[in-house]
Full PDB file with SEQRES, HELIX, SHEET, SSBOND, CRYST1, ORIGX, SCALE, CONECT and MASTER records, all heavy atoms in Angstrom:
SEQRES   1 A   36  GLY ARG GLN GLU ILE ALA GLU MET HIS ASP LEU MET PHE          
SEQRES   2 A   36  ARG THR MET LEU TYR GLY THR ARG LEU ILE ALA HIS ASP          
SEQRES   3 A   36  ILE GLU SER VAL ARG GLN VAL GLY GLU ASP                      
HELIX    1 AA1 ARG A    2  ARG A   14  1                                  13    
CRYST1    1.000    1.000    1.000  90.00  90.00  90.00 P 1           1          
ORIGX1      1.000000  0.000000  0.000000        0.00000                         
ORIGX2      0.000000  1.000000  0.000000        0.00000                         
ORIGX3      0.000000  0.000000  1.000000        0.00000                         
SCALE1      1.000000  0.000000  0.000000        0.00000                         
SCALE2      0.000000  1.000000  0.000000        0.00000                         
SCALE3      0.000000  0.000000  1.000000        0.00000                         
ATOM      1  N   GLY A   1      66.804 -90.643 -23.108  1.00  0.00           N  
ATOM      2  CA  GLY A   1      65.997 -90.998 -22.014  1.00  0.00           C  
ATOM      3  C   GLY A   1      65.628 -89.874 -21.069  1.00  0.00           C  
ATOM      4  O   GLY A   1      66.256 -88.804 -20.964  1.00  0.00           O  
ATOM      5  N   ARG A   2      64.438 -89.936 -20.478  1.00  0.00           N  
ATOM      6  CA  ARG A   2      63.858 -89.005 -19.564  1.00  0.00           C  
ATOM      7  C   ARG A   2      64.861 -88.620 -18.504  1.00  0.00           C  
ATOM      8  O   ARG A   2      65.029 -87.351 -18.213  1.00  0.00           O  
ATOM      9  CB  ARG A   2      62.620 -89.535 -18.886  1.00  0.00           C  
ATOM     10  CG  ARG A   2      62.024 -88.642 -17.828  1.00  0.00           C  
ATOM     11  CD  ARG A   2      60.842 -89.282 -17.163  1.00  0.00           C  
ATOM     12  NE  ARG A   2      59.723 -89.413 -17.956  1.00  0.00           N  
ATOM     13  CZ  ARG A   2      58.709 -90.240 -17.803  1.00  0.00           C  
ATOM     14  NH1 ARG A   2      58.893 -91.132 -16.871  1.00  0.00           N  
ATOM     15  NH2 ARG A   2      57.837 -90.330 -18.592  1.00  0.00           N  
ATOM     16  N   GLN A   3      65.533 -89.529 -17.922  1.00  0.00           N  
ATOM     17  CA  GLN A   3      66.498 -89.214 -16.776  1.00  0.00           C  
ATOM     18  C   GLN A   3      67.614 -88.343 -17.251  1.00  0.00           C  
ATOM     19  O   GLN A   3      67.878 -87.333 -16.542  1.00  0.00           O  
ATOM     20  CB  GLN A   3      66.995 -90.533 -16.114  1.00  0.00           C  
ATOM     21  CG  GLN A   3      67.927 -90.324 -14.871  1.00  0.00           C  
ATOM     22  CD  GLN A   3      68.285 -91.396 -14.202  1.00  0.00           C  
ATOM     23  OE1 GLN A   3      67.754 -92.477 -14.342  1.00  0.00           O  
ATOM     24  NE2 GLN A   3      69.358 -91.293 -13.397  1.00  0.00           N  
ATOM     25  N   GLU A   4      68.263 -88.706 -18.287  1.00  0.00           N  
ATOM     26  CA  GLU A   4      69.309 -87.784 -18.890  1.00  0.00           C  
ATOM     27  C   GLU A   4      68.872 -86.428 -19.203  1.00  0.00           C  
ATOM     28  O   GLU A   4      69.480 -85.423 -19.081  1.00  0.00           O  
ATOM     29  CB  GLU A   4      70.047 -88.515 -20.069  1.00  0.00           C  
ATOM     30  CG  GLU A   4      71.349 -87.826 -20.465  1.00  0.00           C  
ATOM     31  CD  GLU A   4      71.995 -88.723 -21.534  1.00  0.00           C  
ATOM     32  OE1 GLU A   4      71.729 -89.943 -21.781  1.00  0.00           O  
ATOM     33  OE2 GLU A   4      73.067 -88.212 -21.956  1.00  0.00           O  
ATOM     34  N   ILE A   5      67.747 -86.358 -19.809  1.00  0.00           N  
ATOM     35  CA  ILE A   5      67.087 -85.100 -20.281  1.00  0.00           C  
ATOM     36  C   ILE A   5      66.783 -84.191 -19.017  1.00  0.00           C  
ATOM     37  O   ILE A   5      67.207 -83.021 -18.864  1.00  0.00           O  
ATOM     38  CB  ILE A   5      65.708 -85.284 -20.972  1.00  0.00           C  
ATOM     39  CG1 ILE A   5      65.949 -86.014 -22.306  1.00  0.00           C  
ATOM     40  CG2 ILE A   5      64.990 -83.896 -21.162  1.00  0.00           C  
ATOM     41  CD1 ILE A   5      64.809 -86.599 -23.125  1.00  0.00           C  
ATOM     42  N   ALA A   6      66.244 -84.843 -18.019  1.00  0.00           N  
ATOM     43  CA  ALA A   6      65.953 -84.082 -16.690  1.00  0.00           C  
ATOM     44  C   ALA A   6      67.212 -83.695 -16.098  1.00  0.00           C  
ATOM     45  O   ALA A   6      67.393 -82.426 -15.560  1.00  0.00           O  
ATOM     46  CB  ALA A   6      65.171 -85.069 -15.701  1.00  0.00           C  
ATOM     47  N   GLU A   7      68.265 -84.596 -16.040  1.00  0.00           N  
ATOM     48  CA  GLU A   7      69.504 -84.296 -15.287  1.00  0.00           C  
ATOM     49  C   GLU A   7      70.250 -83.131 -16.082  1.00  0.00           C  
ATOM     50  O   GLU A   7      70.844 -82.217 -15.338  1.00  0.00           O  
ATOM     51  CB  GLU A   7      70.407 -85.480 -15.202  1.00  0.00           C  
ATOM     52  CG  GLU A   7      69.854 -86.408 -14.135  1.00  0.00           C  
ATOM     53  CD  GLU A   7      70.580 -87.791 -14.060  1.00  0.00           C  
ATOM     54  OE1 GLU A   7      71.522 -88.043 -14.947  1.00  0.00           O  
ATOM     55  OE2 GLU A   7      70.270 -88.558 -13.306  1.00  0.00           O  
ATOM     56  N   MET A   8      70.354 -83.263 -17.351  1.00  0.00           N  
ATOM     57  CA  MET A   8      70.979 -82.157 -18.080  1.00  0.00           C  
ATOM     58  C   MET A   8      70.263 -80.704 -18.001  1.00  0.00           C  
ATOM     59  O   MET A   8      70.866 -79.761 -17.715  1.00  0.00           O  
ATOM     60  CB  MET A   8      71.063 -82.540 -19.593  1.00  0.00           C  
ATOM     61  CG  MET A   8      71.626 -81.387 -20.404  1.00  0.00           C  
ATOM     62  SD  MET A   8      73.371 -80.943 -19.892  1.00  0.00           S  
ATOM     63  CE  MET A   8      74.265 -82.319 -20.654  1.00  0.00           C  
ATOM     64  N   HIS A   9      68.944 -80.870 -18.012  1.00  0.00           N  
ATOM     65  CA  HIS A   9      68.265 -79.566 -17.808  1.00  0.00           C  
ATOM     66  C   HIS A   9      68.390 -79.079 -16.424  1.00  0.00           C  
ATOM     67  O   HIS A   9      68.479 -77.833 -16.084  1.00  0.00           O  
ATOM     68  CB  HIS A   9      66.783 -79.634 -18.244  1.00  0.00           C  
ATOM     69  CG  HIS A   9      66.743 -79.646 -19.781  1.00  0.00           C  
ATOM     70  ND1 HIS A   9      66.966 -80.721 -20.597  1.00  0.00           N  
ATOM     71  CD2 HIS A   9      66.488 -78.623 -20.582  1.00  0.00           C  
ATOM     72  CE1 HIS A   9      66.834 -80.323 -21.818  1.00  0.00           C  
ATOM     73  NE2 HIS A   9      66.567 -79.015 -21.896  1.00  0.00           N  
ATOM     74  N   ASP A  10      68.366 -80.016 -15.392  1.00  0.00           N  
ATOM     75  CA  ASP A  10      68.581 -79.479 -14.007  1.00  0.00           C  
ATOM     76  C   ASP A  10      69.899 -78.745 -13.924  1.00  0.00           C  
ATOM     77  O   ASP A  10      70.030 -77.736 -13.326  1.00  0.00           O  
ATOM     78  CB  ASP A  10      68.538 -80.704 -13.134  1.00  0.00           C  
ATOM     79  CG  ASP A  10      68.570 -80.318 -11.673  1.00  0.00           C  
ATOM     80  OD1 ASP A  10      67.803 -79.490 -11.145  1.00  0.00           O  
ATOM     81  OD2 ASP A  10      69.641 -80.723 -10.906  1.00  0.00           O  
ATOM     82  N   LEU A  11      70.978 -79.376 -14.405  1.00  0.00           N  
ATOM     83  CA  LEU A  11      72.304 -78.734 -14.433  1.00  0.00           C  
ATOM     84  C   LEU A  11      72.197 -77.337 -15.187  1.00  0.00           C  
ATOM     85  O   LEU A  11      72.869 -76.387 -14.583  1.00  0.00           O  
ATOM     86  CB  LEU A  11      73.358 -79.649 -15.153  1.00  0.00           C  
ATOM     87  CG  LEU A  11      74.690 -78.999 -15.433  1.00  0.00           C  
ATOM     88  CD1 LEU A  11      75.457 -78.741 -14.142  1.00  0.00           C  
ATOM     89  CD2 LEU A  11      75.522 -79.980 -16.173  1.00  0.00           C  
ATOM     90  N   MET A  12      71.655 -77.407 -16.404  1.00  0.00           N  
ATOM     91  CA  MET A  12      71.634 -76.166 -17.169  1.00  0.00           C  
ATOM     92  C   MET A  12      70.921 -74.992 -16.433  1.00  0.00           C  
ATOM     93  O   MET A  12      71.154 -73.919 -16.542  1.00  0.00           O  
ATOM     94  CB  MET A  12      71.205 -76.316 -18.631  1.00  0.00           C  
ATOM     95  CG  MET A  12      72.096 -77.321 -19.357  1.00  0.00           C  
ATOM     96  SD  MET A  12      73.771 -76.734 -19.447  1.00  0.00           S  
ATOM     97  CE  MET A  12      73.686 -75.308 -20.361  1.00  0.00           C  
ATOM     98  N   PHE A  13      69.768 -75.421 -15.832  1.00  0.00           N  
ATOM     99  CA  PHE A  13      68.847 -74.447 -15.203  1.00  0.00           C  
ATOM    100  C   PHE A  13      69.712 -73.873 -14.018  1.00  0.00           C  
ATOM    101  O   PHE A  13      69.261 -72.732 -13.422  1.00  0.00           O  
ATOM    102  CB  PHE A  13      67.596 -74.887 -14.716  1.00  0.00           C  
ATOM    103  CG  PHE A  13      66.643 -75.295 -15.900  1.00  0.00           C  
ATOM    104  CD1 PHE A  13      65.692 -76.294 -15.750  1.00  0.00           C  
ATOM    105  CD2 PHE A  13      66.830 -74.699 -17.118  1.00  0.00           C  
ATOM    106  CE1 PHE A  13      64.884 -76.664 -16.750  1.00  0.00           C  
ATOM    107  CE2 PHE A  13      65.956 -75.055 -18.161  1.00  0.00           C  
ATOM    108  CZ  PHE A  13      64.954 -76.005 -17.913  1.00  0.00           C  
ATOM    109  N   ARG A  14      70.658 -74.535 -13.395  1.00  0.00           N  
ATOM    110  CA  ARG A  14      71.413 -74.060 -12.265  1.00  0.00           C  
ATOM    111  C   ARG A  14      72.726 -73.315 -12.745  1.00  0.00           C  
ATOM    112  O   ARG A  14      73.313 -72.637 -11.992  1.00  0.00           O  
ATOM    113  CB  ARG A  14      71.848 -75.158 -11.325  1.00  0.00           C  
ATOM    114  CG  ARG A  14      70.703 -75.774 -10.583  1.00  0.00           C  
ATOM    115  CD  ARG A  14      71.130 -76.841  -9.582  1.00  0.00           C  
ATOM    116  NE  ARG A  14      71.442 -78.041 -10.322  1.00  0.00           N  
ATOM    117  CZ  ARG A  14      72.642 -78.636 -10.383  1.00  0.00           C  
ATOM    118  NH1 ARG A  14      73.659 -78.129  -9.779  1.00  0.00           N  
ATOM    119  NH2 ARG A  14      72.828 -79.761 -11.081  1.00  0.00           N  
ATOM    120  N   THR A  15      73.026 -73.367 -14.113  1.00  0.00           N  
ATOM    121  CA  THR A  15      74.178 -72.838 -14.592  1.00  0.00           C  
ATOM    122  C   THR A  15      73.937 -71.857 -15.733  1.00  0.00           C  
ATOM    123  O   THR A  15      73.423 -70.723 -15.710  1.00  0.00           O  
ATOM    124  CB  THR A  15      75.271 -73.921 -14.937  1.00  0.00           C  
ATOM    125  OG1 THR A  15      74.731 -74.779 -15.923  1.00  0.00           O  
ATOM    126  CG2 THR A  15      75.729 -74.684 -13.668  1.00  0.00           C  
ATOM    127  N   MET A  16      74.143 -72.331 -17.023  1.00  0.00           N  
ATOM    128  CA  MET A  16      74.115 -71.548 -18.177  1.00  0.00           C  
ATOM    129  C   MET A  16      72.709 -71.027 -18.520  1.00  0.00           C  
ATOM    130  O   MET A  16      72.535 -69.973 -19.286  1.00  0.00           O  
ATOM    131  CB  MET A  16      74.800 -72.273 -19.379  1.00  0.00           C  
ATOM    132  CG  MET A  16      76.197 -72.733 -19.207  1.00  0.00           C  
ATOM    133  SD  MET A  16      77.353 -71.218 -18.880  1.00  0.00           S  
ATOM    134  CE  MET A  16      77.209 -70.358 -20.420  1.00  0.00           C  
ATOM    135  N   LEU A  17      71.712 -71.717 -18.146  1.00  0.00           N  
ATOM    136  CA  LEU A  17      70.444 -71.342 -18.460  1.00  0.00           C  
ATOM    137  C   LEU A  17      69.637 -70.692 -17.132  1.00  0.00           C  
ATOM    138  O   LEU A  17      68.520 -70.563 -17.144  1.00  0.00           O  
ATOM    139  CB  LEU A  17      69.571 -72.418 -19.069  1.00  0.00           C  
ATOM    140  CG  LEU A  17      70.026 -72.936 -20.324  1.00  0.00           C  
ATOM    141  CD1 LEU A  17      69.242 -74.039 -20.793  1.00  0.00           C  
ATOM    142  CD2 LEU A  17      69.987 -71.764 -21.418  1.00  0.00           C  
ATOM    143  N   TYR A  18      70.335 -70.368 -16.130  1.00  0.00           N  
ATOM    144  CA  TYR A  18      69.904 -69.854 -14.921  1.00  0.00           C  
ATOM    145  C   TYR A  18      69.036 -68.598 -15.103  1.00  0.00           C  
ATOM    146  O   TYR A  18      69.541 -67.704 -15.841  1.00  0.00           O  
ATOM    147  CB  TYR A  18      71.086 -69.572 -14.010  1.00  0.00           C  
ATOM    148  CG  TYR A  18      70.390 -69.031 -12.592  1.00  0.00           C  
ATOM    149  CD1 TYR A  18      69.890 -69.876 -11.652  1.00  0.00           C  
ATOM    150  CD2 TYR A  18      70.650 -67.603 -12.301  1.00  0.00           C  
ATOM    151  CE1 TYR A  18      69.497 -69.258 -10.447  1.00  0.00           C  
ATOM    152  CE2 TYR A  18      70.167 -67.098 -11.115  1.00  0.00           C  
ATOM    153  CZ  TYR A  18      69.568 -67.985 -10.164  1.00  0.00           C  
ATOM    154  OH  TYR A  18      69.149 -67.465  -9.059  1.00  0.00           O  
ATOM    155  N   GLY A  19      67.827 -68.595 -14.651  1.00  0.00           N  
ATOM    156  CA  GLY A  19      66.960 -67.453 -14.832  1.00  0.00           C  
ATOM    157  C   GLY A  19      66.321 -67.232 -16.124  1.00  0.00           C  
ATOM    158  O   GLY A  19      65.705 -66.212 -16.243  1.00  0.00           O  
ATOM    159  N   THR A  20      66.590 -68.097 -17.027  1.00  0.00           N  
ATOM    160  CA  THR A  20      65.936 -67.863 -18.418  1.00  0.00           C  
ATOM    161  C   THR A  20      64.484 -68.260 -18.385  1.00  0.00           C  
ATOM    162  O   THR A  20      64.060 -68.938 -17.555  1.00  0.00           O  
ATOM    163  CB  THR A  20      66.611 -68.730 -19.557  1.00  0.00           C  
ATOM    164  OG1 THR A  20      66.635 -70.169 -19.088  1.00  0.00           O  
ATOM    165  CG2 THR A  20      68.056 -68.349 -19.726  1.00  0.00           C  
ATOM    166  N   ARG A  21      63.863 -67.740 -19.346  1.00  0.00           N  
ATOM    167  CA  ARG A  21      62.401 -68.228 -19.572  1.00  0.00           C  
ATOM    168  C   ARG A  21      62.270 -68.605 -20.987  1.00  0.00           C  
ATOM    169  O   ARG A  21      62.932 -68.216 -21.932  1.00  0.00           O  
ATOM    170  CB  ARG A  21      61.435 -66.989 -19.258  1.00  0.00           C  
ATOM    171  CG  ARG A  21      61.487 -65.815 -20.065  1.00  0.00           C  
ATOM    172  CD  ARG A  21      60.530 -64.641 -19.431  1.00  0.00           C  
ATOM    173  NE  ARG A  21      60.389 -63.686 -20.438  1.00  0.00           N  
ATOM    174  CZ  ARG A  21      61.210 -62.786 -20.849  1.00  0.00           C  
ATOM    175  NH1 ARG A  21      62.486 -62.648 -20.343  1.00  0.00           N  
ATOM    176  NH2 ARG A  21      60.794 -61.870 -21.669  1.00  0.00           N  
ATOM    177  N   LEU A  22      61.412 -69.583 -21.298  1.00  0.00           N  
ATOM    178  CA  LEU A  22      61.140 -70.174 -22.475  1.00  0.00           C  
ATOM    179  C   LEU A  22      60.003 -69.413 -23.227  1.00  0.00           C  
ATOM    180  O   LEU A  22      59.010 -69.366 -22.686  1.00  0.00           O  
ATOM    181  CB  LEU A  22      60.793 -71.649 -22.414  1.00  0.00           C  
ATOM    182  CG  LEU A  22      60.882 -72.491 -23.614  1.00  0.00           C  
ATOM    183  CD1 LEU A  22      62.202 -72.413 -24.360  1.00  0.00           C  
ATOM    184  CD2 LEU A  22      60.556 -73.919 -23.318  1.00  0.00           C  
ATOM    185  N   ILE A  23      60.314 -68.882 -24.466  1.00  0.00           N  
ATOM    186  CA  ILE A  23      59.373 -68.106 -25.140  1.00  0.00           C  
ATOM    187  C   ILE A  23      58.936 -69.020 -26.310  1.00  0.00           C  
ATOM    188  O   ILE A  23      59.806 -69.312 -27.210  1.00  0.00           O  
ATOM    189  CB  ILE A  23      59.874 -66.807 -25.735  1.00  0.00           C  
ATOM    190  CG1 ILE A  23      60.521 -66.080 -24.621  1.00  0.00           C  
ATOM    191  CG2 ILE A  23      58.866 -66.102 -26.548  1.00  0.00           C  
ATOM    192  CD1 ILE A  23      59.537 -65.502 -23.541  1.00  0.00           C  
ATOM    193  N   ALA A  24      57.725 -69.537 -26.263  1.00  0.00           N  
ATOM    194  CA  ALA A  24      57.202 -70.296 -27.436  1.00  0.00           C  
ATOM    195  C   ALA A  24      56.615 -69.289 -28.434  1.00  0.00           C  
ATOM    196  O   ALA A  24      55.711 -68.473 -28.047  1.00  0.00           O  
ATOM    197  CB  ALA A  24      56.113 -71.201 -26.979  1.00  0.00           C  
ATOM    198  N   HIS A  25      56.936 -69.311 -29.636  1.00  0.00           N  
ATOM    199  CA  HIS A  25      56.360 -68.413 -30.545  1.00  0.00           C  
ATOM    200  C   HIS A  25      55.329 -68.998 -31.496  1.00  0.00           C  
ATOM    201  O   HIS A  25      54.141 -68.843 -31.022  1.00  0.00           O  
ATOM    202  CB  HIS A  25      57.535 -67.973 -31.597  1.00  0.00           C  
ATOM    203  CG  HIS A  25      58.387 -66.875 -31.095  1.00  0.00           C  
ATOM    204  ND1 HIS A  25      58.199 -65.492 -31.357  1.00  0.00           N  
ATOM    205  CD2 HIS A  25      59.379 -66.827 -30.137  1.00  0.00           C  
ATOM    206  CE1 HIS A  25      59.013 -64.731 -30.779  1.00  0.00           C  
ATOM    207  NE2 HIS A  25      59.719 -65.531 -29.926  1.00  0.00           N  
ATOM    208  N   ASP A  26      55.536 -69.636 -32.505  1.00  0.00           N  
ATOM    209  CA  ASP A  26      54.478 -70.017 -33.308  1.00  0.00           C  
ATOM    210  C   ASP A  26      54.531 -71.587 -33.368  1.00  0.00           C  
ATOM    211  O   ASP A  26      55.630 -72.183 -33.403  1.00  0.00           O  
ATOM    212  CB  ASP A  26      54.705 -69.553 -34.769  1.00  0.00           C  
ATOM    213  CG  ASP A  26      54.619 -68.063 -34.880  1.00  0.00           C  
ATOM    214  OD1 ASP A  26      53.724 -67.547 -34.233  1.00  0.00           O  
ATOM    215  OD2 ASP A  26      55.372 -67.372 -35.585  1.00  0.00           O  
ATOM    216  N   ILE A  27      53.360 -72.231 -33.486  1.00  0.00           N  
ATOM    217  CA  ILE A  27      53.329 -73.503 -33.944  1.00  0.00           C  
ATOM    218  C   ILE A  27      53.154 -73.590 -35.283  1.00  0.00           C  
ATOM    219  O   ILE A  27      52.160 -73.082 -36.064  1.00  0.00           O  
ATOM    220  CB  ILE A  27      52.022 -74.275 -33.214  1.00  0.00           C  
ATOM    221  CG1 ILE A  27      52.354 -74.186 -31.721  1.00  0.00           C  
ATOM    222  CG2 ILE A  27      51.804 -75.645 -33.784  1.00  0.00           C  
ATOM    223  CD1 ILE A  27      51.072 -74.671 -30.923  1.00  0.00           C  
ATOM    224  N   GLU A  28      54.164 -74.083 -36.022  1.00  0.00           N  
ATOM    225  CA  GLU A  28      54.143 -74.067 -37.452  1.00  0.00           C  
ATOM    226  C   GLU A  28      53.278 -75.257 -38.080  1.00  0.00           C  
ATOM    227  O   GLU A  28      52.723 -75.083 -39.225  1.00  0.00           O  
ATOM    228  CB  GLU A  28      55.522 -74.148 -38.022  1.00  0.00           C  
ATOM    229  CG  GLU A  28      56.343 -72.845 -37.642  1.00  0.00           C  
ATOM    230  CD  GLU A  28      57.752 -72.898 -38.072  1.00  0.00           C  
ATOM    231  OE1 GLU A  28      58.388 -73.961 -38.378  1.00  0.00           O  
ATOM    232  OE2 GLU A  28      58.279 -71.778 -38.287  1.00  0.00           O  
ATOM    233  N   SER A  29      53.338 -76.334 -37.462  1.00  0.00           N  
ATOM    234  CA  SER A  29      52.391 -77.453 -37.978  1.00  0.00           C  
ATOM    235  C   SER A  29      52.224 -78.449 -36.817  1.00  0.00           C  
ATOM    236  O   SER A  29      53.017 -78.627 -36.038  1.00  0.00           O  
ATOM    237  CB  SER A  29      53.108 -78.230 -39.125  1.00  0.00           C  
ATOM    238  OG  SER A  29      54.260 -78.833 -38.723  1.00  0.00           O  
ATOM    239  N   VAL A  30      51.081 -79.068 -36.945  1.00  0.00           N  
ATOM    240  CA  VAL A  30      50.678 -80.243 -36.079  1.00  0.00           C  
ATOM    241  C   VAL A  30      50.223 -81.191 -37.057  1.00  0.00           C  
ATOM    242  O   VAL A  30      49.214 -80.942 -37.804  1.00  0.00           O  
ATOM    243  CB  VAL A  30      49.546 -79.923 -35.131  1.00  0.00           C  
ATOM    244  CG1 VAL A  30      49.043 -81.133 -34.387  1.00  0.00           C  
ATOM    245  CG2 VAL A  30      50.039 -78.726 -34.182  1.00  0.00           C  
ATOM    246  N   ARG A  31      50.880 -82.369 -37.059  1.00  0.00           N  
ATOM    247  CA  ARG A  31      50.428 -83.439 -37.989  1.00  0.00           C  
ATOM    248  C   ARG A  31      50.246 -84.706 -37.311  1.00  0.00           C  
ATOM    249  O   ARG A  31      51.242 -85.262 -36.734  1.00  0.00           O  
ATOM    250  CB  ARG A  31      51.445 -83.623 -39.114  1.00  0.00           C  
ATOM    251  CG  ARG A  31      51.094 -84.508 -40.273  1.00  0.00           C  
ATOM    252  CD  ARG A  31      52.130 -84.437 -41.394  1.00  0.00           C  
ATOM    253  NE  ARG A  31      53.422 -84.495 -41.075  1.00  0.00           N  
ATOM    254  CZ  ARG A  31      54.106 -85.715 -41.093  1.00  0.00           C  
ATOM    255  NH1 ARG A  31      53.618 -86.738 -41.524  1.00  0.00           N  
ATOM    256  NH2 ARG A  31      55.399 -85.693 -40.807  1.00  0.00           N  
ATOM    257  N   GLN A  32      49.134 -85.314 -37.184  1.00  0.00           N  
ATOM    258  CA  GLN A  32      48.860 -86.635 -36.556  1.00  0.00           C  
ATOM    259  C   GLN A  32      49.200 -87.666 -37.617  1.00  0.00           C  
ATOM    260  O   GLN A  32      48.700 -87.779 -38.728  1.00  0.00           O  
ATOM    261  CB  GLN A  32      47.342 -86.695 -36.257  1.00  0.00           C  
ATOM    262  CG  GLN A  32      47.186 -87.947 -35.226  1.00  0.00           C  
ATOM    263  CD  GLN A  32      46.195 -87.583 -34.193  1.00  0.00           C  
ATOM    264  OE1 GLN A  32      45.711 -86.589 -34.048  1.00  0.00           O  
ATOM    265  NE2 GLN A  32      45.992 -88.571 -33.267  1.00  0.00           N  
ATOM    266  N   VAL A  33      50.284 -88.495 -37.312  1.00  0.00           N  
ATOM    267  CA  VAL A  33      50.691 -89.457 -38.196  1.00  0.00           C  
ATOM    268  C   VAL A  33      50.187 -90.924 -37.846  1.00  0.00           C  
ATOM    269  O   VAL A  33      50.458 -91.871 -38.533  1.00  0.00           O  
ATOM    270  CB  VAL A  33      52.273 -89.493 -38.382  1.00  0.00           C  
ATOM    271  CG1 VAL A  33      52.663 -88.259 -38.934  1.00  0.00           C  
ATOM    272  CG2 VAL A  33      52.846 -89.721 -37.008  1.00  0.00           C  
ATOM    273  N   GLY A  34      49.369 -90.973 -36.895  1.00  0.00           N  
ATOM    274  CA  GLY A  34      48.807 -92.241 -36.426  1.00  0.00           C  
ATOM    275  C   GLY A  34      47.807 -91.903 -35.248  1.00  0.00           C  
ATOM    276  O   GLY A  34      47.872 -90.757 -34.811  1.00  0.00           O  
ATOM    277  N   GLU A  35      47.103 -92.860 -34.822  1.00  0.00           N  
ATOM    278  CA  GLU A  35      46.229 -92.637 -33.743  1.00  0.00           C  
ATOM    279  C   GLU A  35      46.876 -92.144 -32.496  1.00  0.00           C  
ATOM    280  O   GLU A  35      46.381 -91.329 -31.743  1.00  0.00           O  
ATOM    281  CB  GLU A  35      45.355 -93.883 -33.485  1.00  0.00           C  
ATOM    282  CG  GLU A  35      44.207 -93.763 -32.555  1.00  0.00           C  
ATOM    283  CD  GLU A  35      43.369 -94.942 -32.425  1.00  0.00           C  
ATOM    284  OE1 GLU A  35      42.541 -95.188 -33.376  1.00  0.00           O  
ATOM    285  OE2 GLU A  35      43.441 -95.572 -31.407  1.00  0.00           O  
ATOM    286  N   ASP A  36      48.097 -92.732 -32.273  1.00  0.00           N  
ATOM    287  CA  ASP A  36      48.831 -92.331 -31.062  1.00  0.00           C  
ATOM    288  C   ASP A  36      50.125 -91.722 -31.281  1.00  0.00           C  
ATOM    289  O   ASP A  36      51.113 -91.764 -30.536  1.00  0.00           O  
ATOM    290  CB  ASP A  36      49.099 -93.643 -30.310  1.00  0.00           C  
ATOM    291  CG  ASP A  36      47.600 -94.248 -29.710  1.00  0.00           C  
ATOM    292  OD1 ASP A  36      46.882 -93.468 -29.262  1.00  0.00           O  
ATOM    293  OD2 ASP A  36      47.502 -95.426 -29.962  1.00  0.00           O  
TER     294      ASP A  36                                                      
MASTER        0    0    0    1    0    0    0    6  293    1    0    3          
END                                                                             
């Protein structure tokens, strides 16, 4: 759930991931498997 994802990342951004930046490299694939 969104709340648990947000809370864990909030904790991690204040502790073990403090000051990190996210580097997105390559998009290997995009596959639409339905309209939505």
